[in-house]
Amino acid sequence: MRITQLRRSRHRFLALLGTAALALAGAVALPGTAQAANILTNPGFETGSLSPWSCSGNLGSIVSSPVHGGAKALAGAVSSSDNAQCTQTVSVQPNTTYSLKGWVRGSYVYLGVDGGASTWTTSPSAYSQLSVSFTTGASQTSAKIYVHGWYAQGTYYADDISLDGPGGGGGSDTQAPTAPTGLTSTGKTSSSVSLSWAASSDNVGVTAYDIYSGSNQLLSVSGTSATVSGLSAGTAYTFTVKARDAAGNTSGASNSVSVTTNSGSGGGTGFKQAAPYLYEGWGDPPNPATVMNATGVKWFTMAFVLDSGGCTPSWDSSRPLTGGVDQSAINQIRSAGGDIVPSFGGWQGSKLGANCSSASALAGALQKVIDAYGLKAIDMDIENTDEFENEAVQAKILTALKTVKANNPGLKTIVTFGTSTTGPTYYGNRLIEQAQSLNANIDVFTIMPFDFGGGSDMYGNTVNAAEGLKAKLKSTFGWDDATAYSHIGISGMNGLSDQQETTTPAIWTHNPL
């Protein structure tokens, strides 16, 4: 049955709080096997200092108890908004398999390599060993190893971390690169700034450049240029760049450059507006032009694009992508000066994200819909155990969105997911973290503040959930309040939710956001 999904599609409304203001040729080489040799520096923290480890939020420290071996260990004091991730970047050899191991203690402790494999444990009361292997890419020369806890789960401990394999000479390197020079802006839009700078020098070699706005690290690149996206329109930003080598040595900051993004264009291409759900597959849906004339609404979220078999998109798995009632509604909306955002997924049904075999296949399916309607935006409604509670499928969806965004300049991407009364759940936090790790450049993160489990204060719960999302976006992406808010959407349910929560117009009339 599809009653839950149908009810959601007919009664949900969408209020986006802001627009996104932010092959190898020749022979094939098989992965080599790394010889056993720990290439991490200070793997057991016996030096009594963190260096060359670096911990987010300055939440890492060296303790003498509890330890697994030796006299020292790492303590990560996680908070409600920071998982106290500690990292070390080392030189590695391309196309080589490495073995990462470490001893950890605490609730939900993770060990992994940035952009690659990871593993975790739930809540051991004593030290427990984690182990994971990964294979470097064909041209990869550095890897960032990390360990972190989980939000509001208490301090974690880590000790005796090893990365076994051949290094690139970075293990004993303590010399930092020279500071980048000549930082300048080479272009800007209302939501992005392009930067370039002169290369730094290093005794071994520079592996990355980190771009900062104030004290917030925005992104890392390997070359001497970058485009910082996800910015707010008409806003002044100041940027600096630091160089980093494979041993984790970081240079001083470059010269600073201040840039004000262009003013937003406004109008129908933005997302500071309501986009209520319109579902053509059941009941008696209203004439969209009538709704537009009565309310001033210009955009609609059309639900739901699903898989009709073989990673083939169609409306509700059954109605044709073009030429049916859905296209008729879209034509009416556009004739009246509006536009639509198709929503892929939902709570039930055969979903493209779960059924397409790969991120590239999913991107191809999304592209069919983009091409069919000349879309300006798409929404991935990620729910249930097959998509939301499946980290591999989350990554597949985010990678596909990154692909279509790159292939369709100006396309806006939205992800929609459930929430708790205080902000994202475990899987919501994971979705946001994967978006950052994959550099998916998602424009809007939309929460669905309903089905909390009988919560009576729907206004208060919605506000608290949105504030929790804001805090998570700030801690993950390094954004300020205004930028985080501009990336937030709210998709509520009018009337009675599936869990008997009531949302009425009076709630929002008497408690305006």
Protein backbone atom coordinates (compact mmCIF):
# COMPACT_ATOMS: atom_id res chain seq x y z
CA MET A 1 0.00 0.00 0.00
CA ARG A 2 1.11 3.58 -0.58
CA ILE A 3 -1.22 5.36 1.85
CA THR A 4 1.62 6.88 3.89
CA GLN A 5 3.34 8.26 0.85
CA LEU A 6 0.13 9.49 -0.69
CA ARG A 7 -0.88 11.30 2.47
CA ARG A 8 2.50 12.95 2.68
CA SER A 9 2.43 14.07 -0.91
CA ARG A 10 -0.98 15.65 -0.62
CA HIS A 11 -0.58 17.41 2.69
CA ARG A 12 3.05 18.42 2.85
CA PHE A 13 4.11 21.96 2.22
CA LEU A 14 7.64 23.09 1.46
CA ALA A 15 9.20 26.32 2.69
CA LEU A 16 12.79 26.76 1.63
CA LEU A 17 14.37 29.31 3.92
CA GLY A 18 16.98 30.34 1.40
CA THR A 19 18.60 29.66 -1.90
CA ALA A 20 21.97 28.01 -2.11
CA ALA A 21 24.00 30.96 -1.23
CA LEU A 22 26.72 28.00 -0.89
CA ALA A 23 40.44 6.39 -17.54
CA LEU A 24 43.43 5.51 -17.69
CA ALA A 25 45.03 4.77 -21.09
CA GLY A 26 47.41 1.90 -21.69
CA ALA A 27 48.13 -0.92 -19.28
CA VAL A 28 46.00 -1.45 -16.20
CA ALA A 29 47.97 -1.66 -12.97
CA LEU A 30 46.69 -3.97 -10.26
CA PRO A 31 46.83 -2.72 -6.66
CA GLY A 32 50.06 -3.49 -4.87
CA THR A 33 50.17 -4.80 -1.33
CA ALA A 34 51.81 -2.54 1.22
CA GLN A 35 54.64 -3.91 3.28
CA ALA A 36 53.98 -3.77 7.03
CA ALA A 37 55.48 -0.53 8.35
CA ASN A 38 53.60 2.09 10.32
CA ILE A 39 53.93 5.35 8.40
CA LEU A 40 52.00 7.49 10.88
CA THR A 41 53.90 9.95 13.05
CA ASN A 42 53.19 9.96 16.79
CA PRO A 43 50.82 6.98 16.40
CA GLY A 44 50.58 6.32 20.14
CA PHE A 45 50.69 9.99 21.21
CA GLU A 46 53.73 9.21 23.34
CA THR A 47 55.34 12.57 22.54
CA GLY A 48 52.83 14.14 24.89
CA SER A 49 51.58 16.50 22.16
CA LEU A 50 49.09 16.22 19.32
CA SER A 51 51.49 17.16 16.50
CA PRO A 52 51.21 16.28 13.65
CA TRP A 53 47.60 15.33 14.45
CA SER A 54 45.06 18.13 14.07
CA CYS A 55 41.71 18.08 15.89
CA SER A 56 38.56 19.99 15.00
CA GLY A 57 37.34 22.63 17.40
CA ASN A 58 40.56 22.27 19.46
CA LEU A 59 38.76 19.39 21.17
CA GLY A 60 41.67 16.93 21.14
CA SER A 61 44.10 16.51 24.04
CA ILE A 62 46.71 14.08 25.31
CA VAL A 63 45.86 12.13 28.48
CA SER A 64 47.70 9.63 30.65
CA SER A 65 44.57 7.60 31.47
CA PRO A 66 42.93 5.55 30.13
CA VAL A 67 45.59 4.28 27.71
CA HIS A 68 45.90 1.13 25.64
CA GLY A 69 49.68 1.01 25.44
CA GLY A 70 52.51 3.17 26.66
CA ALA A 71 51.86 6.20 28.84
CA LYS A 72 49.71 8.46 26.64
CA ALA A 73 46.52 8.41 24.56
CA LEU A 74 44.29 10.79 22.63
CA ALA A 75 41.09 12.15 24.17
CA GLY A 76 38.45 13.71 21.94
CA ALA A 77 35.97 15.87 23.88
CA VAL A 78 33.01 15.74 21.49
CA SER A 79 30.23 18.28 21.86
CA SER A 80 26.66 18.52 20.61
CA SER A 81 27.93 20.25 17.45
CA ASP A 82 31.45 18.82 16.91
CA ASN A 83 32.56 15.19 16.71
CA ALA A 84 36.16 16.08 17.69
CA GLN A 85 37.69 14.63 14.54
CA CYS A 86 41.48 14.28 14.70
CA THR A 87 43.41 13.82 11.46
CA GLN A 88 46.91 13.21 10.14
CA THR A 89 47.89 13.45 6.47
CA VAL A 90 50.68 11.18 5.24
CA SER A 91 52.39 10.41 1.95
CA VAL A 92 51.28 7.19 0.27
CA GLN A 93 52.06 5.36 -2.93
CA PRO A 94 49.50 5.18 -5.75
CA ASN A 95 47.52 2.04 -6.45
CA THR A 96 48.56 0.42 -3.17
CA THR A 97 46.53 -1.32 -0.48
CA TYR A 98 47.01 -0.05 3.09
CA SER A 99 45.88 -1.46 6.43
CA LEU A 100 44.59 1.00 9.05
CA LYS A 101 44.17 -0.12 12.65
CA GLY A 102 43.62 1.60 15.98
CA TRP A 103 42.47 1.04 19.53
CA VAL A 104 39.47 3.11 20.64
CA ARG A 105 37.21 3.48 23.65
CA GLY A 106 33.90 5.36 23.95
CA SER A 107 30.50 5.63 22.32
CA TYR A 108 30.40 5.49 18.52
CA VAL A 109 34.07 5.96 17.65
CA TYR A 110 35.09 6.03 13.97
CA LEU A 111 38.39 5.27 12.24
CA GLY A 112 38.90 5.81 8.52
CA VAL A 113 40.50 7.59 5.61
CA ASP A 114 39.05 10.83 4.28
CA GLY A 115 36.95 10.18 1.17
CA GLY A 116 37.32 6.41 1.53
CA ALA A 117 36.75 3.45 3.81
CA SER A 118 35.89 3.71 7.50
CA THR A 119 34.78 1.54 10.37
CA TRP A 120 33.27 2.16 13.80
CA THR A 121 32.31 0.61 17.09
CA THR A 122 29.27 1.23 19.27
CA SER A 123 30.20 1.81 22.90
CA PRO A 124 32.96 -0.39 24.31
CA SER A 125 33.67 0.15 28.00
CA ALA A 126 37.28 -0.89 27.38
CA TYR A 127 39.64 -0.38 24.47
CA SER A 128 38.58 -2.21 21.31
CA GLN A 129 40.55 -2.52 18.07
CA LEU A 130 39.17 -1.20 14.80
CA SER A 131 40.60 -2.31 11.47
CA VAL A 132 39.92 -1.29 7.87
CA SER A 133 41.84 -1.46 4.60
CA PHE A 134 41.78 0.79 1.56
CA THR A 135 43.46 1.04 -1.83
CA THR A 136 44.89 4.32 -3.05
CA GLY A 137 43.98 5.77 -6.42
CA ALA A 138 46.11 5.54 -9.55
CA SER A 139 47.65 8.99 -8.95
CA GLN A 140 47.09 9.38 -5.20
CA THR A 141 50.13 10.49 -3.19
CA SER A 142 48.61 11.46 0.16
CA ALA A 143 45.90 10.21 2.50
CA LYS A 144 44.20 11.86 5.45
CA ILE A 145 43.61 9.44 8.33
CA TYR A 146 40.96 10.33 10.89
CA VAL A 147 39.46 9.22 14.17
CA HIS A 148 36.39 10.83 15.70
CA GLY A 149 33.54 10.27 18.10
CA TRP A 150 29.89 11.14 17.74
CA TYR A 151 27.87 14.19 18.68
CA ALA A 152 26.90 14.49 22.35
CA GLN A 153 28.13 10.95 23.06
CA GLY A 154 30.85 11.89 25.53
CA THR A 155 34.64 11.89 25.30
CA TYR A 156 36.27 9.15 23.25
CA TYR A 157 39.82 7.81 23.52
CA ALA A 158 42.18 6.50 20.84
CA ASP A 159 45.63 4.95 21.04
CA ASP A 160 48.20 2.99 19.05
CA ILE A 161 46.91 3.86 15.59
CA SER A 162 48.81 2.29 12.71
CA LEU A 163 48.78 2.69 8.95
CA ASP A 164 50.82 -0.14 7.51
CA GLY A 165 52.40 0.35 4.13
CA PRO A 166 55.11 2.18 2.19
CA GLY A 167 55.27 5.90 2.80
CA GLY A 168 56.38 8.78 0.67
CA GLY A 169 59.00 10.20 2.95
CA GLY A 170 56.59 12.27 5.03
CA GLY A 171 56.93 10.36 8.29
CA SER A 172 59.91 12.34 9.64
CA ASP A 173 59.26 15.59 7.81
CA THR A 174 58.83 18.56 10.16
CA GLN A 175 59.44 21.44 7.73
CA ALA A 176 56.37 23.43 6.75
CA PRO A 177 55.84 24.75 3.22
CA THR A 178 56.27 28.42 2.46
CA ALA A 179 53.14 30.56 2.62
CA PRO A 180 51.25 30.96 -0.68
CA THR A 181 51.57 34.40 -2.26
CA GLY A 182 49.64 36.50 -4.74
CA LEU A 183 46.17 35.40 -3.64
CA THR A 184 43.63 37.15 -5.84
CA SER A 185 40.01 36.80 -6.91
CA THR A 186 39.55 35.80 -10.54
CA GLY A 187 35.76 35.92 -10.65
CA LYS A 188 32.57 35.86 -8.63
CA THR A 189 28.83 35.23 -8.81
CA SER A 190 26.05 35.72 -6.29
CA SER A 191 26.97 32.43 -4.62
CA SER A 192 30.64 31.75 -5.44
CA VAL A 193 34.11 33.29 -5.57
CA SER A 194 36.98 32.01 -7.72
CA LEU A 195 40.51 32.36 -6.34
CA SER A 196 44.06 31.78 -7.55
CA TRP A 197 47.51 32.08 -5.96
CA ALA A 198 51.20 31.34 -6.57
CA ALA A 199 52.48 27.90 -5.62
CA SER A 200 54.29 27.30 -2.33
CA SER A 201 57.57 25.41 -2.03
CA ASP A 202 58.42 22.57 0.36
CA ASN A 203 61.42 20.36 1.07
CA VAL A 204 59.37 17.25 0.18
CA GLY A 205 56.35 18.57 -1.68
CA VAL A 206 53.06 20.40 -1.19
CA THR A 207 50.08 18.04 -1.24
CA ALA A 208 47.17 20.42 -0.62
CA TYR A 209 46.07 24.00 -0.23
CA ASP A 210 43.44 24.82 2.41
CA ILE A 211 41.14 27.78 1.74
CA TYR A 212 39.89 29.74 4.77
CA SER A 213 37.32 32.43 5.43
CA GLY A 214 38.37 33.81 8.79
CA SER A 215 39.13 30.79 10.99
CA ASN A 216 36.80 28.47 9.05
CA GLN A 217 38.40 26.05 6.59
CA LEU A 218 36.09 25.92 3.57
CA LEU A 219 37.75 23.39 1.28
CA SER A 220 41.06 21.81 0.23
CA VAL A 221 42.44 21.53 -3.31
CA SER A 222 45.60 20.15 -4.86
CA GLY A 223 46.20 22.95 -7.38
CA THR A 224 46.66 26.70 -7.15
CA SER A 225 43.09 27.75 -7.89
CA ALA A 226 39.68 27.03 -6.43
CA THR A 227 36.06 28.14 -6.54
CA VAL A 228 34.35 28.57 -3.18
CA SER A 229 30.62 27.99 -3.62
CA GLY A 230 27.62 28.00 -1.32
CA LEU A 231 28.04 31.68 -0.41
CA SER A 232 25.35 34.25 0.33
CA ALA A 233 24.50 36.91 -2.25
CA GLY A 234 25.67 40.49 -1.68
CA THR A 235 27.92 39.43 1.21
CA ALA A 236 31.55 40.39 1.97
CA TYR A 237 34.01 37.55 2.55
CA THR A 238 37.73 37.56 3.36
CA PHE A 239 39.82 34.59 2.20
CA THR A 240 43.30 33.27 2.93
CA VAL A 241 45.11 30.12 1.79
CA LYS A 242 47.55 27.84 3.60
CA ALA A 243 49.77 25.15 2.04
CA ARG A 244 50.09 21.68 3.55
CA ASP A 245 52.53 18.84 2.95
CA ALA A 246 52.05 15.08 3.28
CA ALA A 247 53.30 15.06 6.87
CA GLY A 248 50.61 17.53 7.89
CA ASN A 249 52.94 20.51 8.21
CA THR A 250 50.96 23.68 7.45
CA SER A 251 52.34 26.96 6.19
CA GLY A 252 51.48 30.41 7.38
CA ALA A 253 48.54 32.15 5.78
CA SER A 254 48.77 33.87 2.43
CA ASN A 255 47.85 37.49 1.93
CA SER A 256 44.12 38.05 2.46
CA VAL A 257 41.68 39.07 -0.24
CA SER A 258 38.22 40.52 0.41
CA VAL A 259 35.40 39.92 -2.06
CA THR A 260 31.71 40.84 -2.01
CA THR A 261 29.50 38.39 -3.88
CA ASN A 262 27.10 39.72 -6.50
CA SER A 263 23.58 40.63 -5.49
CA GLY A 264 21.01 37.91 -6.03
CA SER A 265 18.88 38.10 -9.15
CA GLY A 266 15.63 37.39 -7.30
CA GLY A 267 12.53 36.33 -9.22
CA GLY A 268 11.47 32.84 -10.09
CA THR A 269 14.91 31.29 -10.28
CA GLY A 270 15.50 31.65 -6.55
CA PHE A 271 14.24 29.48 -3.70
CA LYS A 272 13.17 32.01 -1.07
CA GLN A 273 9.55 31.00 -1.49
CA ALA A 274 7.02 28.30 -0.76
CA ALA A 275 6.93 25.30 -3.08
CA PRO A 276 3.96 23.18 -1.92
CA TYR A 277 3.69 19.54 -2.91
CA LEU A 278 1.45 18.65 -5.83
CA TYR A 279 0.62 14.98 -6.40
CA GLU A 280 -1.29 13.98 -9.52
CA GLY A 281 -1.62 10.26 -8.84
CA TRP A 282 -4.50 10.07 -6.37
CA GLY A 283 -7.60 11.83 -5.13
CA ASP A 284 -8.71 15.16 -6.55
CA PRO A 285 -5.62 17.39 -6.91
CA PRO A 286 -6.37 21.11 -7.34
CA ASN A 287 -5.82 23.04 -10.53
CA PRO A 288 -2.35 24.54 -10.00
CA ALA A 289 -3.19 27.76 -11.85
CA THR A 290 -6.12 28.31 -9.48
CA VAL A 291 -3.82 27.83 -6.48
CA MET A 292 -1.29 30.25 -7.97
CA ASN A 293 -3.91 32.94 -8.56
CA ALA A 294 -5.33 32.58 -5.06
CA THR A 295 -2.06 32.42 -3.11
CA GLY A 296 0.72 33.97 -5.17
CA VAL A 297 2.63 30.67 -5.07
CA LYS A 298 4.91 30.34 -8.10
CA TRP A 299 6.67 27.02 -7.57
CA PHE A 300 5.40 23.50 -6.86
CA THR A 301 7.20 20.38 -5.70
CA MET A 302 5.92 17.58 -7.93
CA ALA A 303 5.85 14.16 -6.26
CA PHE A 304 7.16 11.52 -6.82
CA VAL A 305 9.57 10.36 -9.52
CA LEU A 306 10.30 6.67 -8.97
CA ASP A 307 11.80 3.71 -10.84
CA SER A 308 9.60 1.89 -13.32
CA GLY A 309 12.24 -0.83 -13.77
CA GLY A 310 15.82 -0.88 -14.96
CA CYS A 311 16.69 2.50 -13.41
CA THR A 312 14.08 4.18 -15.61
CA PRO A 313 12.36 7.26 -14.16
CA SER A 314 8.59 7.70 -14.27
CA TRP A 315 5.97 9.39 -12.16
CA ASP A 316 4.99 7.10 -9.28
CA SER A 317 6.58 4.11 -11.13
CA SER A 318 3.53 4.00 -13.39
CA ARG A 319 2.70 7.28 -15.10
CA PRO A 320 4.73 8.33 -18.16
CA LEU A 321 7.51 10.82 -17.67
CA THR A 322 6.14 13.01 -20.45
CA GLY A 323 2.76 13.34 -22.14
CA GLY A 324 0.62 12.49 -19.12
CA VAL A 325 -1.26 14.30 -16.37
CA ASP A 326 1.96 15.37 -14.68
CA GLN A 327 3.25 17.13 -17.76
CA SER A 328 -0.16 18.77 -18.22
CA ALA A 329 0.08 20.19 -14.70
CA ILE A 330 3.63 21.38 -15.35
CA ASN A 331 2.52 23.10 -18.55
CA GLN A 332 -0.27 24.88 -16.62
CA ILE A 333 2.16 26.04 -13.94
CA ARG A 334 4.66 27.36 -16.45
CA SER A 335 1.97 29.04 -18.52
CA ALA A 336 0.95 30.93 -15.38
CA GLY A 337 4.53 32.13 -14.80
CA GLY A 338 5.66 29.47 -12.34
CA ASP A 339 7.89 26.41 -12.34
CA ILE A 340 8.36 23.05 -10.64
CA VAL A 341 10.85 20.99 -8.65
CA PRO A 342 10.38 17.24 -9.18
CA SER A 343 10.84 15.19 -6.02
CA PHE A 344 12.57 11.82 -6.39
CA GLY A 345 11.91 9.12 -3.79
CA GLY A 346 9.63 9.49 -0.79
CA TRP A 347 8.71 7.03 1.94
CA GLN A 348 7.61 4.04 -0.15
CA GLY A 349 7.82 2.67 -3.66
CA SER A 350 10.58 1.54 -6.01
CA LYS A 351 13.17 4.28 -5.70
CA LEU A 352 15.86 5.20 -8.19
CA GLY A 353 18.43 5.85 -5.46
CA ALA A 354 18.09 2.35 -4.09
CA ASN A 355 17.63 0.52 -7.41
CA CYS A 356 20.08 2.16 -9.82
CA SER A 357 23.27 0.11 -9.80
CA SER A 358 25.72 2.99 -9.45
CA ALA A 359 26.02 6.72 -8.97
CA SER A 360 26.64 7.18 -12.68
CA ALA A 361 23.51 5.16 -13.54
CA LEU A 362 21.48 7.23 -11.08
CA ALA A 363 22.89 10.45 -12.55
CA GLY A 364 21.79 9.23 -15.97
CA ALA A 365 18.25 8.66 -14.70
CA LEU A 366 18.14 12.12 -13.12
CA GLN A 367 19.44 13.62 -16.35
CA LYS A 368 16.52 12.12 -18.29
CA VAL A 369 14.10 14.06 -16.09
CA ILE A 370 16.20 17.23 -16.25
CA ASP A 371 16.25 17.04 -20.04
CA ALA A 372 12.54 16.21 -20.29
CA TYR A 373 11.51 19.42 -18.56
CA GLY A 374 14.51 21.74 -18.79
CA LEU A 375 14.67 21.85 -15.01
CA LYS A 376 16.20 24.52 -12.79
CA ALA A 377 16.11 22.38 -9.62
CA ILE A 378 15.63 18.81 -8.40
CA ASP A 379 14.80 17.39 -4.97
CA MET A 380 15.90 14.01 -3.58
CA ASP A 381 13.45 12.96 -0.84
CA ILE A 382 15.63 10.47 1.04
CA GLU A 383 13.62 8.34 3.46
CA ASN A 384 13.26 4.90 5.04
CA THR A 385 15.80 2.09 5.42
CA ASP A 386 16.48 1.59 1.71
CA GLU A 387 17.90 5.09 1.18
CA PHE A 388 18.11 7.26 4.31
CA GLU A 389 19.37 4.54 6.65
CA ASN A 390 21.80 3.11 4.10
CA GLU A 391 25.09 5.03 4.07
CA ALA A 392 26.19 3.52 0.74
CA VAL A 393 22.95 4.62 -0.94
CA GLN A 394 23.29 8.06 0.66
CA ALA A 395 26.75 8.35 -0.94
CA LYS A 396 25.39 7.12 -4.28
CA ILE A 397 22.66 9.76 -4.27
CA LEU A 398 25.02 12.58 -3.27
CA THR A 399 27.56 11.58 -5.91
CA ALA A 400 24.85 11.50 -8.57
CA LEU A 401 23.66 14.96 -7.51
CA LYS A 402 27.23 16.24 -7.72
CA THR A 403 27.47 14.83 -11.25
CA VAL A 404 24.27 16.36 -12.60
CA LYS A 405 25.05 19.68 -10.94
CA ALA A 406 28.41 19.75 -12.75
CA ASN A 407 26.77 18.78 -16.04
CA ASN A 408 23.93 21.32 -15.77
CA PRO A 409 25.26 24.79 -14.86
CA GLY A 410 22.83 26.67 -12.65
CA LEU A 411 20.92 23.57 -11.52
CA LYS A 412 19.94 23.70 -7.84
CA THR A 413 20.01 20.49 -5.80
CA ILE A 414 17.90 19.82 -2.72
CA VAL A 415 17.98 16.87 -0.30
CA THR A 416 14.94 16.25 1.92
CA PHE A 417 15.03 13.99 4.98
CA GLY A 418 13.44 13.36 8.37
CA THR A 419 14.49 14.95 11.65
CA SER A 420 14.16 14.76 15.40
CA THR A 421 12.68 17.56 17.48
CA THR A 422 16.18 18.91 18.13
CA GLY A 423 17.75 18.53 14.71
CA PRO A 424 19.12 15.83 12.40
CA THR A 425 19.19 12.24 13.60
CA TYR A 426 22.23 9.96 13.25
CA TYR A 427 21.47 9.34 9.58
CA GLY A 428 20.69 13.01 8.94
CA ASN A 429 24.05 13.98 10.42
CA ARG A 430 25.70 11.28 8.33
CA LEU A 431 24.00 12.59 5.18
CA ILE A 432 25.31 16.10 5.82
CA GLU A 433 28.81 14.81 6.60
CA GLN A 434 28.87 12.75 3.41
CA ALA A 435 27.74 15.78 1.42
CA GLN A 436 30.72 17.70 2.81
CA SER A 437 33.17 14.82 2.35
CA LEU A 438 32.09 14.24 -1.26
CA ASN A 439 32.01 17.99 -1.99
CA ALA A 440 28.50 17.45 -3.37
CA ASN A 441 27.72 21.19 -3.16
CA ILE A 442 24.09 20.64 -2.12
CA ASP A 443 22.10 23.87 -2.33
CA VAL A 444 19.36 23.21 0.24
CA PHE A 445 19.06 20.73 3.11
CA THR A 446 15.34 20.33 3.80
CA ILE A 447 14.04 18.70 6.98
CA MET A 448 10.58 17.18 7.47
CA PRO A 449 9.53 18.29 10.98
CA PHE A 450 6.67 15.89 11.62
CA ASP A 451 6.11 12.27 12.70
CA PHE A 452 8.11 13.04 15.83
CA GLY A 453 6.10 10.48 17.74
CA GLY A 454 3.17 12.41 19.14
CA GLY A 455 4.88 15.74 19.78
CA SER A 456 2.25 18.34 20.60
CA ASP A 457 4.19 21.58 20.16
CA MET A 458 4.58 21.48 16.40
CA TYR A 459 5.69 25.10 16.16
CA GLY A 460 8.31 24.77 18.90
CA ASN A 461 9.50 21.39 17.61
CA THR A 462 9.86 22.75 14.09
CA VAL A 463 11.86 25.77 15.25
CA ASN A 464 14.12 23.61 17.43
CA ALA A 465 14.65 21.12 14.62
CA ALA A 466 15.62 23.93 12.23
CA GLU A 467 18.02 25.40 14.79
CA GLY A 468 19.58 21.97 15.25
CA LEU A 469 20.05 21.69 11.50
CA LYS A 470 21.61 25.15 11.42
CA ALA A 471 24.12 24.14 14.11
CA LYS A 472 25.03 20.99 12.20
CA LEU A 473 25.56 22.86 8.93
CA LYS A 474 27.74 25.43 10.71
CA SER A 475 29.94 22.79 12.35
CA THR A 476 30.25 20.68 9.20
CA PHE A 477 30.82 23.38 6.58
CA GLY A 478 32.23 26.19 8.72
CA TRP A 479 29.39 28.55 7.77
CA ASP A 480 28.11 31.50 9.77
CA ASP A 481 24.46 31.74 10.86
CA ALA A 482 23.27 33.62 7.77
CA THR A 483 24.90 31.22 5.35
CA ALA A 484 23.60 28.16 7.21
CA TYR A 485 20.06 29.54 7.24
CA SER A 486 20.26 30.19 3.50
CA HIS A 487 20.82 26.46 2.96
CA ILE A 488 17.86 25.30 5.09
CA GLY A 489 14.41 24.21 3.91
CA ILE A 490 11.37 23.05 5.88
CA SER A 491 8.89 20.52 4.49
CA GLY A 492 5.99 20.23 6.91
CA MET A 493 2.72 18.33 6.90
CA ASN A 494 -0.56 20.21 7.02
CA GLY A 495 -3.38 18.89 9.15
CA LEU A 496 -2.94 15.51 10.81
CA SER A 497 0.37 13.66 10.48
CA ASP A 498 0.82 9.90 10.34
CA GLN A 499 1.51 9.97 14.10
CA GLN A 500 -1.53 12.10 15.01
CA GLU A 501 0.27 15.41 15.28
CA THR A 502 -1.84 18.41 14.28
CA THR A 503 -0.49 21.35 12.30
CA THR A 504 -2.93 24.16 11.55
CA PRO A 505 -2.58 27.62 9.97
CA ALA A 506 -3.21 29.11 13.41
CA ILE A 507 0.08 27.64 14.67
CA TRP A 508 2.02 29.71 12.16
CA THR A 509 -0.30 32.73 12.36
CA HIS A 510 0.22 33.11 16.10
CA ASN A 511 3.84 32.01 16.04
CA PRO A 512 5.40 33.54 12.93
CA LEU A 513 8.91 32.39 12.15
